[in-house]
Amino acid sequence: LNVSGLMTIPPYDPDPELARPHFAALRALQETLAAQYGAARWRHLSMGMSHDFEVAISEGATLVRVGTAIFGTRELG
C-alpha cells in the first residue's frame, strides 16, 4: 500500500460553504503530516464533489469527484 495523500467527504449540505471547515481541517492535517514525514508522501488532497468542488479547490484539493456534474444524476432502482 502506497499512501500518497488524504481524502474526505464532508456531511452533505445544500450550502457548499458549510463544507469549507472540513476541507480546511484536512488541508491543515496534510500540512502537519508533510512537515513531519515529508511532503512527497502527502501530495494529494481528494475532497469535493459535484456540488462543492469549487470550495474544495479553493481549500487546496488536488483531486475532485465530479461525476454528477459531468454525467447527470443517476437513476436508482
N, C-alpha and C. Protein backbone atom coordinates (compact mmCIF):
# COMPACT_ATOMS: atom_id res chain seq x y z
N LEU A 1 0.84 -1.17 0.00
CA LEU A 1 0.00 0.00 0.00
C LEU A 1 0.89 1.23 0.00
N ASN A 2 0.66 2.11 -0.96
CA ASN A 2 1.43 3.35 -1.06
C ASN A 2 0.49 4.53 -0.84
N VAL A 3 0.56 5.12 0.32
CA VAL A 3 -0.28 6.27 0.64
C VAL A 3 0.32 7.52 0.00
N SER A 4 -0.51 8.25 -0.76
CA SER A 4 0.01 9.46 -1.41
C SER A 4 -0.83 10.69 -1.10
N GLY A 5 -1.69 10.59 -0.10
CA GLY A 5 -2.49 11.75 0.26
C GLY A 5 -3.63 11.40 1.18
N LEU A 6 -4.56 12.32 1.29
CA LEU A 6 -5.69 12.19 2.19
C LEU A 6 -6.99 12.46 1.44
N MET A 7 -8.09 11.92 1.97
CA MET A 7 -9.40 12.10 1.33
C MET A 7 -10.44 12.37 2.40
N THR A 8 -11.40 13.22 2.07
CA THR A 8 -12.55 13.43 2.94
C THR A 8 -13.81 13.64 2.12
N ILE A 9 -14.92 13.24 2.70
CA ILE A 9 -16.25 13.55 2.17
C ILE A 9 -17.02 14.14 3.35
N PRO A 10 -17.25 15.45 3.33
CA PRO A 10 -17.95 16.07 4.46
C PRO A 10 -19.43 15.71 4.44
N PRO A 11 -20.12 15.93 5.55
CA PRO A 11 -21.57 15.71 5.54
C PRO A 11 -22.23 16.56 4.46
N TYR A 12 -23.22 16.00 3.78
CA TYR A 12 -23.87 16.75 2.71
C TYR A 12 -24.68 17.90 3.28
N ASP A 13 -24.57 19.04 2.63
CA ASP A 13 -25.42 20.19 2.92
C ASP A 13 -25.63 20.92 1.60
N PRO A 14 -26.84 21.42 1.33
CA PRO A 14 -27.07 22.15 0.09
C PRO A 14 -26.18 23.38 -0.06
N ASP A 15 -25.71 23.93 1.05
CA ASP A 15 -24.83 25.10 1.02
C ASP A 15 -23.38 24.62 0.98
N PRO A 16 -22.70 24.71 -0.17
CA PRO A 16 -21.33 24.22 -0.29
C PRO A 16 -20.36 24.87 0.70
N GLU A 17 -20.63 26.09 1.10
CA GLU A 17 -19.72 26.78 2.03
C GLU A 17 -19.62 26.07 3.37
N LEU A 18 -20.63 25.31 3.74
CA LEU A 18 -20.59 24.61 5.02
C LEU A 18 -19.60 23.45 5.01
N ALA A 19 -19.11 23.08 3.84
CA ALA A 19 -18.07 22.05 3.73
C ALA A 19 -16.68 22.63 3.97
N ARG A 20 -16.54 23.94 3.87
CA ARG A 20 -15.23 24.58 3.96
C ARG A 20 -14.44 24.20 5.22
N PRO A 21 -15.04 24.22 6.42
CA PRO A 21 -14.26 23.86 7.61
C PRO A 21 -13.70 22.44 7.54
N HIS A 22 -14.43 21.52 6.94
CA HIS A 22 -13.94 20.15 6.80
C HIS A 22 -12.75 20.09 5.85
N PHE A 23 -12.85 20.82 4.73
CA PHE A 23 -11.75 20.86 3.77
C PHE A 23 -10.53 21.54 4.38
N ALA A 24 -10.73 22.61 5.10
CA ALA A 24 -9.62 23.34 5.73
C ALA A 24 -8.94 22.47 6.78
N ALA A 25 -9.72 21.70 7.52
CA ALA A 25 -9.14 20.83 8.54
C ALA A 25 -8.28 19.74 7.91
N LEU A 26 -8.72 19.20 6.78
CA LEU A 26 -7.92 18.17 6.11
C LEU A 26 -6.64 18.76 5.55
N ARG A 27 -6.74 19.98 5.00
CA ARG A 27 -5.53 20.64 4.50
C ARG A 27 -4.54 20.88 5.64
N ALA A 28 -5.03 21.29 6.80
CA ALA A 28 -4.15 21.51 7.95
C ALA A 28 -3.49 20.21 8.38
N LEU A 29 -4.24 19.11 8.36
CA LEU A 29 -3.66 17.81 8.69
C LEU A 29 -2.60 17.43 7.67
N GLN A 30 -2.87 17.68 6.39
CA GLN A 30 -1.89 17.39 5.35
C GLN A 30 -0.60 18.17 5.60
N GLU A 31 -0.72 19.44 5.94
CA GLU A 31 0.47 20.26 6.19
C GLU A 31 1.25 19.74 7.39
N THR A 32 0.56 19.30 8.43
CA THR A 32 1.22 18.74 9.60
C THR A 32 1.97 17.46 9.24
N LEU A 33 1.30 16.57 8.52
CA LEU A 33 1.93 15.31 8.13
C LEU A 33 3.10 15.53 7.18
N ALA A 34 2.96 16.48 6.26
CA ALA A 34 4.04 16.78 5.32
C ALA A 34 5.26 17.30 6.06
N ALA A 35 5.06 18.14 7.06
CA ALA A 35 6.18 18.67 7.84
C ALA A 35 6.85 17.57 8.65
N GLN A 36 6.05 16.63 9.11
CA GLN A 36 6.58 15.58 9.97
C GLN A 36 7.22 14.43 9.19
N TYR A 37 6.63 14.08 8.04
CA TYR A 37 7.06 12.88 7.33
C TYR A 37 7.55 13.12 5.90
N GLY A 38 7.50 14.35 5.44
CA GLY A 38 7.93 14.65 4.08
C GLY A 38 6.75 14.92 3.16
N ALA A 39 6.86 15.98 2.40
CA ALA A 39 5.75 16.46 1.57
C ALA A 39 5.39 15.49 0.44
N ALA A 40 6.36 14.78 -0.12
CA ALA A 40 6.09 13.92 -1.27
C ALA A 40 5.06 12.84 -0.94
N ARG A 41 5.07 12.38 0.28
CA ARG A 41 4.14 11.32 0.67
C ARG A 41 2.71 11.82 0.82
N TRP A 42 2.52 13.11 1.01
CA TRP A 42 1.20 13.68 1.28
C TRP A 42 0.80 14.69 0.23
N ARG A 43 1.10 14.42 -1.04
CA ARG A 43 0.91 15.42 -2.08
C ARG A 43 -0.53 15.59 -2.55
N HIS A 44 -1.41 14.62 -2.29
CA HIS A 44 -2.78 14.72 -2.80
C HIS A 44 -3.79 15.01 -1.70
N LEU A 45 -4.75 15.84 -2.04
CA LEU A 45 -5.92 16.08 -1.20
C LEU A 45 -7.15 15.78 -2.06
N SER A 46 -7.80 14.68 -1.79
CA SER A 46 -9.01 14.31 -2.52
C SER A 46 -10.20 14.76 -1.70
N MET A 47 -10.85 15.80 -2.18
CA MET A 47 -12.00 16.33 -1.46
C MET A 47 -12.82 17.17 -2.41
N GLY A 48 -14.12 17.13 -2.24
CA GLY A 48 -15.02 17.88 -3.10
C GLY A 48 -15.73 16.98 -4.08
N MET A 49 -17.03 17.23 -4.21
CA MET A 49 -17.86 16.51 -5.16
C MET A 49 -18.58 17.54 -6.03
N SER A 50 -19.47 17.09 -6.86
CA SER A 50 -20.10 17.97 -7.85
C SER A 50 -20.69 19.25 -7.26
N HIS A 51 -21.26 19.19 -6.08
CA HIS A 51 -21.93 20.37 -5.52
C HIS A 51 -21.00 21.28 -4.72
N ASP A 52 -19.80 20.81 -4.35
CA ASP A 52 -18.93 21.65 -3.52
C ASP A 52 -17.47 21.68 -3.99
N PHE A 53 -17.23 21.25 -5.23
CA PHE A 53 -15.84 21.15 -5.70
C PHE A 53 -15.13 22.49 -5.76
N GLU A 54 -15.86 23.57 -6.04
CA GLU A 54 -15.21 24.89 -6.12
C GLU A 54 -14.66 25.30 -4.76
N VAL A 55 -15.40 25.02 -3.69
CA VAL A 55 -14.92 25.31 -2.34
C VAL A 55 -13.72 24.43 -2.04
N ALA A 56 -13.79 23.15 -2.42
CA ALA A 56 -12.68 22.23 -2.18
C ALA A 56 -11.41 22.68 -2.89
N ILE A 57 -11.55 23.11 -4.13
CA ILE A 57 -10.38 23.59 -4.87
C ILE A 57 -9.78 24.81 -4.20
N SER A 58 -10.63 25.70 -3.73
CA SER A 58 -10.11 26.90 -3.06
C SER A 58 -9.41 26.56 -1.75
N GLU A 59 -9.70 25.38 -1.20
CA GLU A 59 -9.04 24.93 0.03
C GLU A 59 -7.88 23.98 -0.25
N GLY A 60 -7.52 23.81 -1.52
CA GLY A 60 -6.32 23.05 -1.85
C GLY A 60 -6.51 21.67 -2.43
N ALA A 61 -7.72 21.30 -2.81
CA ALA A 61 -7.95 19.97 -3.39
C ALA A 61 -7.10 19.77 -4.64
N THR A 62 -6.53 18.58 -4.76
CA THR A 62 -5.81 18.21 -5.98
C THR A 62 -6.60 17.17 -6.78
N LEU A 63 -7.57 16.54 -6.16
CA LEU A 63 -8.46 15.58 -6.82
C LEU A 63 -9.89 15.90 -6.38
N VAL A 64 -10.81 15.97 -7.34
CA VAL A 64 -12.22 16.18 -7.03
C VAL A 64 -13.05 15.10 -7.74
N ARG A 65 -14.22 14.82 -7.20
CA ARG A 65 -15.11 13.81 -7.77
C ARG A 65 -16.34 14.55 -8.31
N VAL A 66 -16.45 14.63 -9.61
CA VAL A 66 -17.50 15.45 -10.23
C VAL A 66 -18.35 14.66 -11.23
N GLY A 67 -18.57 13.40 -10.95
CA GLY A 67 -19.33 12.56 -11.87
C GLY A 67 -20.73 13.08 -12.16
N THR A 68 -21.45 13.51 -11.14
CA THR A 68 -22.81 14.00 -11.35
C THR A 68 -22.81 15.25 -12.22
N ALA A 69 -21.83 16.12 -12.04
CA ALA A 69 -21.74 17.34 -12.85
C ALA A 69 -21.48 17.00 -14.32
N ILE A 70 -20.78 15.91 -14.57
CA ILE A 70 -20.45 15.52 -15.94
C ILE A 70 -21.55 14.65 -16.56
N PHE A 71 -21.99 13.64 -15.82
CA PHE A 71 -22.90 12.63 -16.37
C PHE A 71 -24.36 12.81 -15.96
N GLY A 72 -24.63 13.67 -15.02
CA GLY A 72 -26.00 13.86 -14.53
C GLY A 72 -26.31 12.93 -13.37
N THR A 73 -27.49 13.12 -12.81
CA THR A 73 -27.93 12.32 -11.67
C THR A 73 -28.25 10.90 -12.12
N ARG A 74 -27.82 9.93 -11.32
CA ARG A 74 -28.10 8.52 -11.61
C ARG A 74 -29.53 8.18 -11.24
N GLU A 75 -30.13 7.34 -12.03
CA GLU A 75 -31.44 6.80 -11.69
C GLU A 75 -31.21 5.53 -10.90
N LEU A 76 -31.73 5.50 -9.68
CA LEU A 76 -31.57 4.32 -8.83
C LEU A 76 -32.82 3.46 -8.92
N GLY A 77 -32.58 2.15 -8.92
CA GLY A 77 -33.72 1.23 -8.90
C GLY A 77 -34.02 0.68 -10.17
